[in-house]
């Protein structure tokens, strides 16, 4: 899943970005509010982590702008001011969750997982297709009961396919979801990752089908 982190404290942003990438998220980072709309337009972000104390355009103004323009991307607000009035105001402006600084990374990751399950209309932490299982809590895949070893990019592609199992996912949507701003993505890269995943899924009860001109479909092949 691709996340957008909006945080002006560059040391904190670097640490958070690195930690979330280690948890198999794709993370873009911007440092002020005026860059948020452009960043969201440039990538298929599943969730925004938004600091409130930002230069040029404050986080609350960013939130109001997004909701006024009909953008429903889930937003988790980070703030050093966690007063009741502040939380109520943020939630009323359209925030989906609120987390006070300082915080534990485990709590932030748990809140991210909750929001991603909600946006994908899932309540259970486990997603399954055939004998492929994805645990959204541990971010691990298993196949026929055995842990499936994947590179970060393979993981990102398969996660996009499994949370949308039974639905077609275009090559452009996959590319937008797994490559951050700093990556110069080769147009054929998705085909390479899909080919590798098919090799790893050989002999299983799950299949990645190609729908020519449309994209890819993960389905139960049993």
N, C-alpha and C. Protein backbone atom coordinates (compact mmCIF):
# COMPACT_ATOMS: atom_id res chain seq x y z
N UNK A 1 0.83 -1.19 0.00
CA UNK A 1 0.00 0.00 0.00
C UNK A 1 0.88 1.25 0.00
N UNK A 2 0.45 2.26 -0.73
CA UNK A 2 1.22 3.50 -0.84
C UNK A 2 0.63 4.55 0.10
N UNK A 3 1.47 5.11 0.94
CA UNK A 3 1.06 6.11 1.93
C UNK A 3 1.71 7.44 1.61
N UNK A 4 1.02 8.52 2.02
CA UNK A 4 1.60 9.86 1.92
C UNK A 4 1.80 10.39 3.34
N UNK A 5 3.05 10.69 3.68
CA UNK A 5 3.40 11.24 4.98
C UNK A 5 3.67 12.73 4.83
N UNK A 6 2.93 13.54 5.59
CA UNK A 6 3.08 14.99 5.53
C UNK A 6 3.60 15.45 6.90
N UNK A 7 4.88 15.75 6.96
CA UNK A 7 5.54 16.06 8.24
C UNK A 7 6.69 17.02 7.99
N UNK A 8 6.69 18.19 8.66
CA UNK A 8 7.73 19.18 8.42
C UNK A 8 9.01 18.92 9.21
N UNK A 9 8.92 18.12 10.26
CA UNK A 9 10.12 17.74 11.01
C UNK A 9 10.86 16.67 10.20
N UNK A 10 11.93 17.08 9.54
CA UNK A 10 12.57 16.17 8.59
C UNK A 10 13.20 14.94 9.26
N UNK A 11 13.70 15.11 10.47
CA UNK A 11 14.26 13.96 11.17
C UNK A 11 13.18 12.95 11.48
N UNK A 12 12.03 13.43 11.99
CA UNK A 12 10.91 12.53 12.27
C UNK A 12 10.38 11.91 10.98
N UNK A 13 10.27 12.72 9.93
CA UNK A 13 9.77 12.21 8.65
C UNK A 13 10.67 11.12 8.09
N UNK A 14 11.98 11.32 8.17
CA UNK A 14 12.92 10.31 7.68
C UNK A 14 12.79 9.01 8.46
N UNK A 15 12.66 9.14 9.78
CA UNK A 15 12.55 7.93 10.62
C UNK A 15 11.23 7.21 10.35
N UNK A 16 10.14 7.96 10.29
CA UNK A 16 8.84 7.34 10.04
C UNK A 16 8.80 6.69 8.66
N UNK A 17 9.32 7.39 7.66
CA UNK A 17 9.32 6.83 6.31
C UNK A 17 10.11 5.53 6.25
N UNK A 18 11.27 5.52 6.86
CA UNK A 18 12.11 4.31 6.86
C UNK A 18 11.42 3.17 7.60
N UNK A 19 10.82 3.46 8.74
CA UNK A 19 10.17 2.42 9.54
C UNK A 19 8.97 1.83 8.81
N UNK A 20 8.17 2.68 8.18
CA UNK A 20 7.00 2.18 7.46
C UNK A 20 7.39 1.41 6.21
N UNK A 21 8.47 1.81 5.57
CA UNK A 21 8.96 1.04 4.41
C UNK A 21 9.43 -0.34 4.84
N UNK A 22 10.02 -0.43 6.01
CA UNK A 22 10.45 -1.74 6.52
C UNK A 22 9.25 -2.64 6.80
N UNK A 23 8.08 -2.02 7.00
CA UNK A 23 6.84 -2.79 7.21
C UNK A 23 6.12 -3.04 5.89
N UNK A 24 6.83 -2.86 4.77
CA UNK A 24 6.33 -3.16 3.42
C UNK A 24 5.29 -2.17 2.91
N UNK A 25 5.32 -0.93 3.41
CA UNK A 25 4.52 0.12 2.81
C UNK A 25 5.40 0.90 1.82
N UNK A 26 4.77 1.44 0.81
CA UNK A 26 5.44 2.40 -0.08
C UNK A 26 5.10 3.78 0.47
N UNK A 27 6.11 4.61 0.73
CA UNK A 27 5.89 5.87 1.43
C UNK A 27 6.46 7.04 0.64
N UNK A 28 5.60 8.02 0.36
CA UNK A 28 6.03 9.31 -0.17
C UNK A 28 6.01 10.31 0.98
N UNK A 29 6.94 11.24 0.97
CA UNK A 29 7.04 12.23 2.05
C UNK A 29 7.04 13.63 1.46
N UNK A 30 6.19 14.51 2.01
CA UNK A 30 6.26 15.94 1.70
C UNK A 30 6.33 16.68 3.02
N UNK A 31 6.85 17.91 2.97
CA UNK A 31 7.16 18.62 4.20
C UNK A 31 6.32 19.88 4.44
N UNK A 32 5.41 20.19 3.53
CA UNK A 32 4.53 21.32 3.80
C UNK A 32 3.16 21.09 3.17
N UNK A 33 2.17 21.83 3.67
CA UNK A 33 0.79 21.59 3.28
C UNK A 33 0.49 21.87 1.83
N UNK A 34 1.17 22.82 1.22
CA UNK A 34 0.86 23.18 -0.16
C UNK A 34 1.24 22.10 -1.15
N UNK A 35 2.07 21.15 -0.74
CA UNK A 35 2.48 20.07 -1.65
C UNK A 35 1.53 18.86 -1.62
N UNK A 36 0.57 18.87 -0.69
CA UNK A 36 -0.25 17.67 -0.48
C UNK A 36 -1.12 17.37 -1.69
N UNK A 37 -1.84 18.35 -2.17
CA UNK A 37 -2.77 18.10 -3.28
C UNK A 37 -2.03 17.60 -4.51
N UNK A 38 -0.90 18.21 -4.82
CA UNK A 38 -0.11 17.78 -5.97
C UNK A 38 0.39 16.34 -5.78
N UNK A 39 0.82 16.03 -4.55
CA UNK A 39 1.32 14.68 -4.27
C UNK A 39 0.22 13.64 -4.45
N UNK A 40 -0.98 13.94 -3.96
CA UNK A 40 -2.08 12.99 -4.08
C UNK A 40 -2.49 12.81 -5.54
N UNK A 41 -2.39 13.87 -6.33
CA UNK A 41 -2.75 13.77 -7.74
C UNK A 41 -1.74 12.94 -8.52
N UNK A 42 -0.50 12.89 -8.01
CA UNK A 42 0.57 12.20 -8.72
C UNK A 42 0.67 10.72 -8.37
N UNK A 43 -0.05 10.27 -7.35
CA UNK A 43 0.06 8.87 -6.94
C UNK A 43 -1.23 8.34 -6.36
N UNK A 44 -1.37 7.02 -6.39
CA UNK A 44 -2.57 6.36 -5.87
C UNK A 44 -2.35 6.02 -4.40
N UNK A 45 -2.50 7.00 -3.53
CA UNK A 45 -2.24 6.80 -2.10
C UNK A 45 -3.46 6.23 -1.39
N UNK A 46 -3.22 5.23 -0.57
CA UNK A 46 -4.32 4.60 0.17
C UNK A 46 -4.64 5.34 1.46
N UNK A 47 -3.70 6.16 1.95
CA UNK A 47 -3.89 6.81 3.24
C UNK A 47 -2.90 7.96 3.39
N UNK A 48 -3.31 9.00 4.14
CA UNK A 48 -2.45 10.15 4.43
C UNK A 48 -2.20 10.22 5.93
N UNK A 49 -0.94 10.39 6.31
CA UNK A 49 -0.57 10.67 7.70
C UNK A 49 -0.20 12.15 7.73
N UNK A 50 -0.98 12.95 8.47
CA UNK A 50 -0.93 14.41 8.34
C UNK A 50 -0.58 15.09 9.66
N UNK A 51 0.56 15.76 9.68
CA UNK A 51 0.90 16.61 10.81
C UNK A 51 0.09 17.90 10.69
N UNK A 52 -0.24 18.52 11.81
CA UNK A 52 -1.02 19.76 11.77
C UNK A 52 -0.15 21.01 11.67
N UNK A 53 1.01 20.99 12.32
CA UNK A 53 1.88 22.17 12.36
C UNK A 53 2.79 22.16 11.13
N UNK A 54 2.26 22.68 10.01
CA UNK A 54 2.99 22.66 8.75
C UNK A 54 3.24 24.08 8.24
N UNK A 55 4.33 24.29 7.52
CA UNK A 55 4.56 25.61 6.91
C UNK A 55 3.66 25.82 5.69
N UNK A 56 3.46 27.06 5.34
CA UNK A 56 2.73 27.52 4.16
C UNK A 56 1.23 27.23 4.23
N UNK A 57 0.84 25.99 4.51
CA UNK A 57 -0.57 25.65 4.69
C UNK A 57 -0.68 24.65 5.82
N UNK A 58 -1.38 25.02 6.89
CA UNK A 58 -1.49 24.16 8.06
C UNK A 58 -2.27 22.89 7.77
N UNK A 59 -2.06 21.88 8.62
CA UNK A 59 -2.72 20.60 8.42
C UNK A 59 -4.23 20.68 8.44
N UNK A 60 -4.80 21.51 9.30
CA UNK A 60 -6.25 21.63 9.36
C UNK A 60 -6.80 22.23 8.07
N UNK A 61 -6.08 23.19 7.52
CA UNK A 61 -6.49 23.78 6.24
C UNK A 61 -6.39 22.75 5.11
N UNK A 62 -5.33 21.93 5.15
CA UNK A 62 -5.19 20.86 4.17
C UNK A 62 -6.38 19.92 4.24
N UNK A 63 -6.75 19.55 5.45
CA UNK A 63 -7.87 18.63 5.66
C UNK A 63 -9.17 19.21 5.12
N UNK A 64 -9.42 20.49 5.44
CA UNK A 64 -10.64 21.13 4.94
C UNK A 64 -10.64 21.18 3.41
N UNK A 65 -9.49 21.48 2.82
CA UNK A 65 -9.39 21.54 1.36
C UNK A 65 -9.71 20.19 0.73
N UNK A 66 -9.11 19.12 1.26
CA UNK A 66 -9.34 17.80 0.69
C UNK A 66 -10.81 17.41 0.74
N UNK A 67 -11.43 17.62 1.89
CA UNK A 67 -12.83 17.21 2.03
C UNK A 67 -13.76 18.10 1.21
N UNK A 68 -13.44 19.39 1.11
CA UNK A 68 -14.26 20.30 0.30
C UNK A 68 -14.23 19.91 -1.17
N UNK A 69 -13.12 19.32 -1.61
CA UNK A 69 -12.98 18.91 -3.01
C UNK A 69 -13.40 17.47 -3.24
N UNK A 70 -13.97 16.86 -2.23
CA UNK A 70 -14.51 15.52 -2.38
C UNK A 70 -13.50 14.40 -2.27
N UNK A 71 -12.28 14.70 -1.83
CA UNK A 71 -11.27 13.66 -1.68
C UNK A 71 -11.52 12.93 -0.36
N UNK A 72 -11.80 11.63 -0.44
CA UNK A 72 -12.16 10.85 0.74
C UNK A 72 -11.02 9.97 1.23
N UNK A 73 -9.80 10.21 0.80
CA UNK A 73 -8.67 9.40 1.26
C UNK A 73 -8.63 9.41 2.79
N UNK A 74 -8.44 8.26 3.44
CA UNK A 74 -8.35 8.24 4.90
C UNK A 74 -7.18 9.09 5.39
N UNK A 75 -7.41 9.86 6.45
CA UNK A 75 -6.40 10.75 7.01
C UNK A 75 -6.23 10.47 8.49
N UNK A 76 -5.00 10.15 8.89
CA UNK A 76 -4.65 10.03 10.30
C UNK A 76 -3.87 11.29 10.67
N UNK A 77 -4.39 12.05 11.62
CA UNK A 77 -3.76 13.30 12.03
C UNK A 77 -2.75 13.02 13.14
N UNK A 78 -1.55 13.60 12.99
CA UNK A 78 -0.54 13.59 14.04
C UNK A 78 -0.42 15.00 14.60
N UNK A 79 -0.41 15.12 15.92
CA UNK A 79 -0.31 16.46 16.50
C UNK A 79 0.28 16.41 17.89
N UNK A 80 1.00 17.47 18.24
CA UNK A 80 1.52 17.60 19.60
C UNK A 80 0.45 18.16 20.53
N UNK A 81 -0.61 18.73 19.95
CA UNK A 81 -1.71 19.29 20.73
C UNK A 81 -2.90 18.35 20.65
N UNK A 82 -3.05 17.50 21.65
CA UNK A 82 -4.10 16.48 21.62
C UNK A 82 -5.24 16.82 22.57
N UNK A 83 -5.56 18.11 22.71
CA UNK A 83 -6.65 18.51 23.58
C UNK A 83 -7.97 17.98 23.03
N UNK A 84 -8.97 17.87 23.90
CA UNK A 84 -10.28 17.39 23.47
C UNK A 84 -10.85 18.28 22.38
N UNK A 85 -10.76 19.61 22.57
CA UNK A 85 -11.28 20.53 21.56
C UNK A 85 -10.58 20.34 20.23
N UNK A 86 -9.25 20.14 20.27
CA UNK A 86 -8.50 19.94 19.04
C UNK A 86 -8.90 18.67 18.33
N UNK A 87 -9.08 17.58 19.08
CA UNK A 87 -9.48 16.31 18.48
C UNK A 87 -10.86 16.41 17.86
N UNK A 88 -11.78 17.03 18.57
CA UNK A 88 -13.15 17.18 18.06
C UNK A 88 -13.15 18.00 16.78
N UNK A 89 -12.39 19.10 16.78
CA UNK A 89 -12.32 19.94 15.60
C UNK A 89 -11.77 19.17 14.41
N UNK A 90 -10.68 18.43 14.63
CA UNK A 90 -10.09 17.67 13.54
C UNK A 90 -11.03 16.61 12.99
N UNK A 91 -11.72 15.90 13.87
CA UNK A 91 -12.66 14.88 13.42
C UNK A 91 -13.83 15.51 12.68
N UNK A 92 -14.28 16.65 13.15
CA UNK A 92 -15.38 17.35 12.47
C UNK A 92 -14.96 17.85 11.09
N UNK A 93 -13.68 18.16 10.93
CA UNK A 93 -13.18 18.64 9.63
C UNK A 93 -12.96 17.50 8.64
N UNK A 94 -13.05 16.26 9.13
CA UNK A 94 -12.93 15.12 8.22
C UNK A 94 -11.80 14.16 8.49
N UNK A 95 -11.07 14.34 9.59
CA UNK A 95 -10.03 13.36 9.93
C UNK A 95 -10.67 12.02 10.27
N UNK A 96 -9.99 10.94 9.93
CA UNK A 96 -10.51 9.61 10.25
C UNK A 96 -9.97 9.09 11.56
N UNK A 97 -8.83 9.60 11.99
CA UNK A 97 -8.24 9.18 13.26
C UNK A 97 -7.28 10.26 13.71
N UNK A 98 -6.92 10.18 15.00
CA UNK A 98 -6.10 11.21 15.63
C UNK A 98 -5.07 10.51 16.49
N UNK A 99 -3.81 10.94 16.42
CA UNK A 99 -2.77 10.34 17.24
C UNK A 99 -1.87 11.45 17.78
N UNK A 100 -1.69 11.46 19.10
CA UNK A 100 -0.90 12.51 19.74
C UNK A 100 0.58 12.16 19.75
N UNK A 101 1.40 13.18 19.51
CA UNK A 101 2.85 13.03 19.67
C UNK A 101 3.22 13.27 21.13
N UNK A 102 4.20 12.56 21.65
CA UNK A 102 4.92 11.43 21.03
C UNK A 102 4.05 10.18 21.01
N UNK A 103 4.33 9.28 20.10
CA UNK A 103 3.53 8.06 19.97
C UNK A 103 4.45 6.88 19.73
N UNK A 104 3.92 5.70 19.93
CA UNK A 104 4.64 4.46 19.64
C UNK A 104 4.34 4.03 18.21
N UNK A 105 5.36 3.64 17.47
CA UNK A 105 5.17 3.27 16.08
C UNK A 105 4.19 2.11 15.94
N UNK A 106 4.16 1.22 16.94
CA UNK A 106 3.24 0.08 16.88
C UNK A 106 1.78 0.55 16.86
N UNK A 107 1.50 1.62 17.61
CA UNK A 107 0.13 2.14 17.62
C UNK A 107 -0.21 2.78 16.28
N UNK A 108 0.72 3.54 15.71
CA UNK A 108 0.46 4.14 14.41
C UNK A 108 0.21 3.05 13.37
N UNK A 109 1.03 2.01 13.36
CA UNK A 109 0.86 0.93 12.39
C UNK A 109 -0.50 0.26 12.57
N UNK A 110 -0.92 0.07 13.83
CA UNK A 110 -2.23 -0.55 14.09
C UNK A 110 -3.35 0.34 13.55
N UNK A 111 -3.23 1.64 13.75
CA UNK A 111 -4.26 2.56 13.26
C UNK A 111 -4.28 2.61 11.73
N UNK A 112 -3.11 2.51 11.11
CA UNK A 112 -3.06 2.43 9.65
C UNK A 112 -3.80 1.19 9.16
N UNK A 113 -3.54 0.05 9.79
CA UNK A 113 -4.18 -1.20 9.37
C UNK A 113 -5.70 -1.10 9.48
N UNK A 114 -6.18 -0.50 10.57
CA UNK A 114 -7.63 -0.35 10.76
C UNK A 114 -8.24 0.47 9.62
N UNK A 115 -7.60 1.59 9.30
CA UNK A 115 -8.13 2.45 8.24
C UNK A 115 -8.09 1.77 6.88
N UNK A 116 -7.04 1.02 6.59
CA UNK A 116 -6.94 0.33 5.31
C UNK A 116 -7.97 -0.78 5.20
N UNK A 117 -8.23 -1.48 6.31
CA UNK A 117 -9.29 -2.49 6.29
C UNK A 117 -10.64 -1.83 6.03
N UNK A 118 -10.87 -0.69 6.66
CA UNK A 118 -12.15 0.00 6.50
C UNK A 118 -12.36 0.44 5.06
N UNK A 119 -11.33 1.04 4.47
CA UNK A 119 -11.48 1.55 3.11
C UNK A 119 -11.65 0.41 2.10
N UNK A 120 -11.16 -0.79 2.44
CA UNK A 120 -11.34 -1.95 1.57
C UNK A 120 -12.53 -2.80 1.97
N UNK A 121 -13.39 -2.22 2.84
CA UNK A 121 -14.63 -2.89 3.26
C UNK A 121 -14.37 -4.24 3.90
N UNK A 122 -13.34 -4.31 4.73
CA UNK A 122 -13.02 -5.55 5.42
C UNK A 122 -12.94 -5.30 6.92
N UNK A 123 -13.49 -6.24 7.68
CA UNK A 123 -13.40 -6.13 9.13
C UNK A 123 -12.40 -7.13 9.69
N UNK A 124 -12.28 -8.31 9.05
CA UNK A 124 -11.33 -9.32 9.52
C UNK A 124 -9.92 -8.96 9.08
N UNK A 125 -8.91 -9.26 9.91
CA UNK A 125 -7.53 -8.93 9.55
C UNK A 125 -6.93 -9.84 8.49
N UNK A 126 -7.58 -10.96 8.20
CA UNK A 126 -7.02 -11.93 7.26
C UNK A 126 -7.79 -11.90 5.95
N UNK A 127 -7.03 -11.83 4.85
CA UNK A 127 -7.60 -11.87 3.50
C UNK A 127 -7.12 -13.15 2.83
N UNK A 128 -8.04 -13.90 2.22
CA UNK A 128 -7.65 -15.17 1.61
C UNK A 128 -8.20 -15.27 0.20
N UNK A 129 -7.43 -15.93 -0.66
CA UNK A 129 -7.86 -16.28 -2.01
C UNK A 129 -7.24 -17.62 -2.33
N UNK A 130 -8.07 -18.64 -2.53
CA UNK A 130 -7.54 -19.99 -2.69
C UNK A 130 -6.77 -20.37 -1.44
N UNK A 131 -5.53 -20.87 -1.61
CA UNK A 131 -4.71 -21.21 -0.46
C UNK A 131 -3.69 -20.13 -0.14
N UNK A 132 -3.90 -18.92 -0.70
CA UNK A 132 -3.07 -17.76 -0.38
C UNK A 132 -3.75 -16.95 0.71
N UNK A 133 -2.99 -16.67 1.77
CA UNK A 133 -3.54 -15.91 2.90
C UNK A 133 -2.64 -14.72 3.18
N UNK A 134 -3.27 -13.56 3.36
CA UNK A 134 -2.54 -12.35 3.72
C UNK A 134 -3.06 -11.86 5.07
N UNK A 135 -2.16 -11.79 6.04
CA UNK A 135 -2.51 -11.29 7.37
C UNK A 135 -2.17 -9.81 7.42
N UNK A 136 -3.19 -8.95 7.50
CA UNK A 136 -2.95 -7.52 7.47
C UNK A 136 -2.31 -7.00 8.74
N UNK A 137 -2.34 -7.78 9.81
CA UNK A 137 -1.67 -7.37 11.05
C UNK A 137 -0.16 -7.56 10.97
N UNK A 138 0.26 -8.73 10.50
CA UNK A 138 1.70 -9.02 10.40
C UNK A 138 2.27 -8.59 9.06
N UNK A 139 1.40 -8.32 8.07
CA UNK A 139 1.79 -7.97 6.69
C UNK A 139 2.52 -9.13 6.02
N UNK A 140 2.22 -10.35 6.44
CA UNK A 140 2.87 -11.53 5.87
C UNK A 140 1.89 -12.32 5.02
N UNK A 141 2.44 -12.93 3.94
CA UNK A 141 1.68 -13.84 3.10
C UNK A 141 2.06 -15.28 3.46
N UNK A 142 1.08 -16.16 3.37
CA UNK A 142 1.38 -17.59 3.46
C UNK A 142 0.66 -18.31 2.32
N UNK A 143 1.26 -19.38 1.86
CA UNK A 143 0.72 -20.17 0.77
C UNK A 143 0.68 -21.62 1.20
N UNK A 144 -0.53 -22.17 1.25
CA UNK A 144 -0.72 -23.55 1.72
C UNK A 144 -0.10 -23.74 3.10
N UNK A 145 -0.22 -22.71 3.94
CA UNK A 145 0.26 -22.81 5.31
C UNK A 145 1.71 -22.46 5.52
N UNK A 146 2.45 -22.20 4.44
CA UNK A 146 3.87 -21.88 4.54
C UNK A 146 4.09 -20.40 4.21
N UNK A 147 4.99 -19.75 4.97
CA UNK A 147 5.30 -18.35 4.70
C UNK A 147 5.83 -18.18 3.29
N UNK A 148 5.30 -17.19 2.57
CA UNK A 148 5.71 -16.94 1.19
C UNK A 148 6.77 -15.84 1.18
N UNK A 149 7.96 -16.16 0.72
CA UNK A 149 9.07 -15.21 0.67
C UNK A 149 8.92 -14.31 -0.55
N UNK A 150 8.88 -13.00 -0.33
CA UNK A 150 8.67 -12.04 -1.41
C UNK A 150 9.64 -10.87 -1.26
N UNK A 151 10.04 -10.30 -2.36
CA UNK A 151 10.78 -9.05 -2.31
C UNK A 151 9.78 -7.93 -2.00
N UNK A 152 10.26 -6.75 -1.58
CA UNK A 152 9.32 -5.65 -1.28
C UNK A 152 8.40 -5.31 -2.44
N UNK A 153 8.91 -5.28 -3.67
CA UNK A 153 8.06 -4.93 -4.81
C UNK A 153 7.07 -6.05 -5.13
N UNK A 154 7.52 -7.30 -5.03
CA UNK A 154 6.59 -8.42 -5.23
C UNK A 154 5.48 -8.36 -4.19
N UNK A 155 5.87 -8.05 -2.96
CA UNK A 155 4.89 -7.95 -1.88
C UNK A 155 3.87 -6.85 -2.20
N UNK A 156 4.35 -5.71 -2.67
CA UNK A 156 3.46 -4.59 -2.96
C UNK A 156 2.46 -4.94 -4.06
N UNK A 157 2.93 -5.61 -5.11
CA UNK A 157 2.03 -6.00 -6.20
C UNK A 157 1.01 -7.02 -5.72
N UNK A 158 1.47 -8.04 -5.00
CA UNK A 158 0.55 -9.09 -4.56
C UNK A 158 -0.46 -8.55 -3.55
N UNK A 159 -0.03 -7.60 -2.71
CA UNK A 159 -0.98 -7.02 -1.76
C UNK A 159 -2.09 -6.28 -2.50
N UNK A 160 -1.73 -5.51 -3.52
CA UNK A 160 -2.75 -4.82 -4.30
C UNK A 160 -3.73 -5.80 -4.93
N UNK A 161 -3.21 -6.92 -5.42
CA UNK A 161 -4.08 -7.90 -6.06
C UNK A 161 -4.95 -8.66 -5.07
N UNK A 162 -4.40 -8.99 -3.91
CA UNK A 162 -5.17 -9.82 -2.98
C UNK A 162 -6.27 -9.02 -2.29
N UNK A 163 -6.03 -7.74 -1.99
CA UNK A 163 -7.10 -6.97 -1.34
C UNK A 163 -8.22 -6.66 -2.33
N UNK A 164 -7.92 -6.85 -3.64
CA UNK A 164 -8.95 -6.65 -4.66
C UNK A 164 -9.22 -7.95 -5.41
N UNK A 165 -9.03 -9.07 -4.72
CA UNK A 165 -9.20 -10.38 -5.35
C UNK A 165 -10.58 -10.47 -5.99
N UNK A 166 -10.59 -11.00 -7.22
CA UNK A 166 -11.84 -11.11 -7.96
C UNK A 166 -12.18 -9.88 -8.77
N UNK A 167 -11.35 -8.83 -8.65
CA UNK A 167 -11.56 -7.61 -9.42
C UNK A 167 -10.32 -7.32 -10.26
N UNK A 168 -10.52 -6.71 -11.40
CA UNK A 168 -9.40 -6.39 -12.28
C UNK A 168 -8.65 -5.17 -11.76
N UNK A 169 -7.33 -5.27 -11.75
CA UNK A 169 -6.47 -4.16 -11.34
C UNK A 169 -5.59 -3.81 -12.54
N UNK A 170 -5.68 -2.57 -13.01
CA UNK A 170 -4.93 -2.18 -14.20
C UNK A 170 -3.44 -2.10 -13.90
N UNK A 171 -2.64 -2.22 -14.96
CA UNK A 171 -1.19 -2.09 -14.82
C UNK A 171 -0.83 -0.70 -14.30
N UNK A 172 -1.55 0.31 -14.78
CA UNK A 172 -1.29 1.68 -14.33
C UNK A 172 -1.59 1.84 -12.85
N UNK A 173 -2.67 1.21 -12.38
CA UNK A 173 -3.02 1.30 -10.96
C UNK A 173 -1.97 0.61 -10.10
N UNK A 174 -1.47 -0.53 -10.56
CA UNK A 174 -0.42 -1.23 -9.82
C UNK A 174 0.84 -0.38 -9.77
N UNK A 175 1.22 0.19 -10.89
CA UNK A 175 2.43 1.00 -10.94
C UNK A 175 2.31 2.21 -10.02
N UNK A 176 1.15 2.88 -10.06
CA UNK A 176 0.95 4.07 -9.23
C UNK A 176 0.95 3.74 -7.75
N UNK A 177 0.51 2.52 -7.41
CA UNK A 177 0.40 2.15 -6.01
C UNK A 177 1.71 1.68 -5.40
N UNK A 178 2.65 1.23 -6.22
CA UNK A 178 3.85 0.61 -5.63
C UNK A 178 5.14 1.40 -5.84
N UNK A 179 5.13 2.40 -6.73
CA UNK A 179 6.34 3.17 -6.98
C UNK A 179 6.22 4.55 -6.36
N UNK A 180 7.20 4.94 -5.54
CA UNK A 180 7.16 6.25 -4.93
C UNK A 180 7.70 7.31 -5.89
N UNK A 181 7.67 8.57 -5.43
CA UNK A 181 8.07 9.68 -6.29
C UNK A 181 9.50 9.57 -6.77
N UNK A 182 10.35 8.94 -5.99
CA UNK A 182 11.78 8.93 -6.29
C UNK A 182 12.18 7.80 -7.24
N UNK A 183 11.22 6.96 -7.60
CA UNK A 183 11.52 5.82 -8.46
C UNK A 183 11.14 6.10 -9.90
N UNK A 184 12.08 5.93 -10.79
CA UNK A 184 11.82 6.07 -12.22
C UNK A 184 11.39 4.69 -12.73
N UNK A 185 10.09 4.46 -12.74
CA UNK A 185 9.57 3.12 -13.00
C UNK A 185 9.62 2.79 -14.50
N UNK A 186 10.16 1.63 -14.82
CA UNK A 186 10.14 1.10 -16.17
C UNK A 186 8.73 0.60 -16.47
N UNK A 187 8.15 0.96 -17.62
CA UNK A 187 6.79 0.51 -17.95
C UNK A 187 6.61 -1.00 -17.92
N UNK A 188 7.69 -1.74 -18.16
CA UNK A 188 7.58 -3.21 -18.17
C UNK A 188 7.79 -3.82 -16.79
N UNK A 189 8.05 -3.00 -15.77
CA UNK A 189 8.39 -3.54 -14.46
C UNK A 189 7.25 -4.37 -13.87
N UNK A 190 6.02 -3.92 -14.03
CA UNK A 190 4.89 -4.67 -13.47
C UNK A 190 4.82 -6.06 -14.08
N UNK A 191 5.05 -6.17 -15.37
CA UNK A 191 5.03 -7.48 -16.03
C UNK A 191 6.09 -8.39 -15.42
N UNK A 192 7.25 -7.84 -15.10
CA UNK A 192 8.33 -8.63 -14.51
C UNK A 192 7.91 -9.14 -13.14
N UNK A 193 7.33 -8.26 -12.30
CA UNK A 193 6.92 -8.67 -10.96
C UNK A 193 5.79 -9.70 -11.01
N UNK A 194 4.87 -9.52 -11.93
CA UNK A 194 3.78 -10.49 -12.07
C UNK A 194 4.34 -11.84 -12.51
N UNK A 195 5.29 -11.83 -13.43
CA UNK A 195 5.91 -13.09 -13.87
C UNK A 195 6.58 -13.81 -12.69
N UNK A 196 7.29 -13.05 -11.86
CA UNK A 196 7.95 -13.65 -10.70
C UNK A 196 6.93 -14.22 -9.72
N UNK A 197 5.84 -13.48 -9.52
CA UNK A 197 4.81 -13.96 -8.59
C UNK A 197 4.15 -15.23 -9.11
N UNK A 198 3.92 -15.30 -10.38
CA UNK A 198 3.32 -16.52 -10.95
C UNK A 198 4.22 -17.73 -10.70
N UNK A 199 5.54 -17.53 -10.81
CA UNK A 199 6.47 -18.62 -10.53
C UNK A 199 6.33 -19.08 -9.08
N UNK A 200 6.18 -18.12 -8.17
CA UNK A 200 6.10 -18.47 -6.75
C UNK A 200 4.74 -19.06 -6.38
N UNK A 201 3.73 -18.82 -7.22
CA UNK A 201 2.40 -19.35 -6.95
C UNK A 201 2.12 -20.64 -7.71
N UNK A 202 3.10 -21.13 -8.48
CA UNK A 202 2.91 -22.36 -9.26
C UNK A 202 2.53 -23.53 -8.35
N UNK A 203 1.55 -24.32 -8.79
CA UNK A 203 1.12 -25.49 -8.04
C UNK A 203 0.12 -25.17 -6.94
N UNK A 204 -0.22 -23.90 -6.77
CA UNK A 204 -1.16 -23.51 -5.72
C UNK A 204 -2.58 -23.42 -6.29
N UNK A 205 -3.50 -23.04 -5.42
CA UNK A 205 -4.90 -22.89 -5.84
C UNK A 205 -5.27 -21.44 -6.13
N UNK A 206 -4.26 -20.64 -6.44
CA UNK A 206 -4.52 -19.23 -6.75
C UNK A 206 -3.77 -18.87 -8.03
N UNK A 207 -4.37 -17.99 -8.81
CA UNK A 207 -3.83 -17.69 -10.14
C UNK A 207 -3.93 -16.19 -10.40
N UNK A 208 -2.90 -15.64 -11.05
CA UNK A 208 -2.95 -14.26 -11.54
C UNK A 208 -3.27 -14.33 -13.02
N UNK A 209 -4.47 -13.92 -13.38
CA UNK A 209 -4.89 -13.95 -14.78
C UNK A 209 -4.63 -12.60 -15.43
N UNK A 210 -4.22 -12.63 -16.70
CA UNK A 210 -4.05 -11.41 -17.48
C UNK A 210 -5.29 -11.17 -18.31
N UNK A 211 -5.89 -10.01 -18.18
CA UNK A 211 -7.02 -9.62 -19.01
C UNK A 211 -6.49 -8.58 -20.00
N UNK A 212 -6.27 -9.01 -21.21
CA UNK A 212 -5.57 -8.18 -22.19
C UNK A 212 -6.22 -6.81 -22.35
N UNK A 213 -5.43 -5.79 -22.20
CA UNK A 213 -5.91 -4.43 -22.34
C UNK A 213 -6.57 -3.87 -21.09
N UNK A 214 -6.77 -4.73 -20.08
CA UNK A 214 -7.45 -4.29 -18.86
C UNK A 214 -6.54 -4.33 -17.64
N UNK A 215 -5.81 -5.45 -17.47
CA UNK A 215 -4.94 -5.55 -16.31
C UNK A 215 -4.84 -6.98 -15.81
N UNK A 216 -4.78 -7.11 -14.49
CA UNK A 216 -4.58 -8.42 -13.86
C UNK A 216 -5.67 -8.71 -12.85
N UNK A 217 -5.93 -10.00 -12.66
CA UNK A 217 -6.99 -10.47 -11.78
C UNK A 217 -6.48 -11.64 -10.94
N UNK A 218 -6.53 -11.51 -9.62
CA UNK A 218 -6.19 -12.63 -8.73
C UNK A 218 -7.45 -13.43 -8.47
N UNK A 219 -7.38 -14.75 -8.69
CA UNK A 219 -8.59 -15.56 -8.52
C UNK A 219 -8.25 -16.94 -7.99
N UNK A 220 -9.26 -17.54 -7.39
CA UNK A 220 -9.16 -18.91 -6.89
C UNK A 220 -9.23 -19.84 -8.09
N UNK A 221 -8.19 -20.64 -8.27
CA UNK A 221 -8.11 -21.52 -9.44
C UNK A 221 -8.47 -22.96 -9.10
N UNK A 222 -9.00 -23.21 -7.92
CA UNK A 222 -9.30 -24.59 -7.53
C UNK A 222 -10.59 -25.08 -8.18
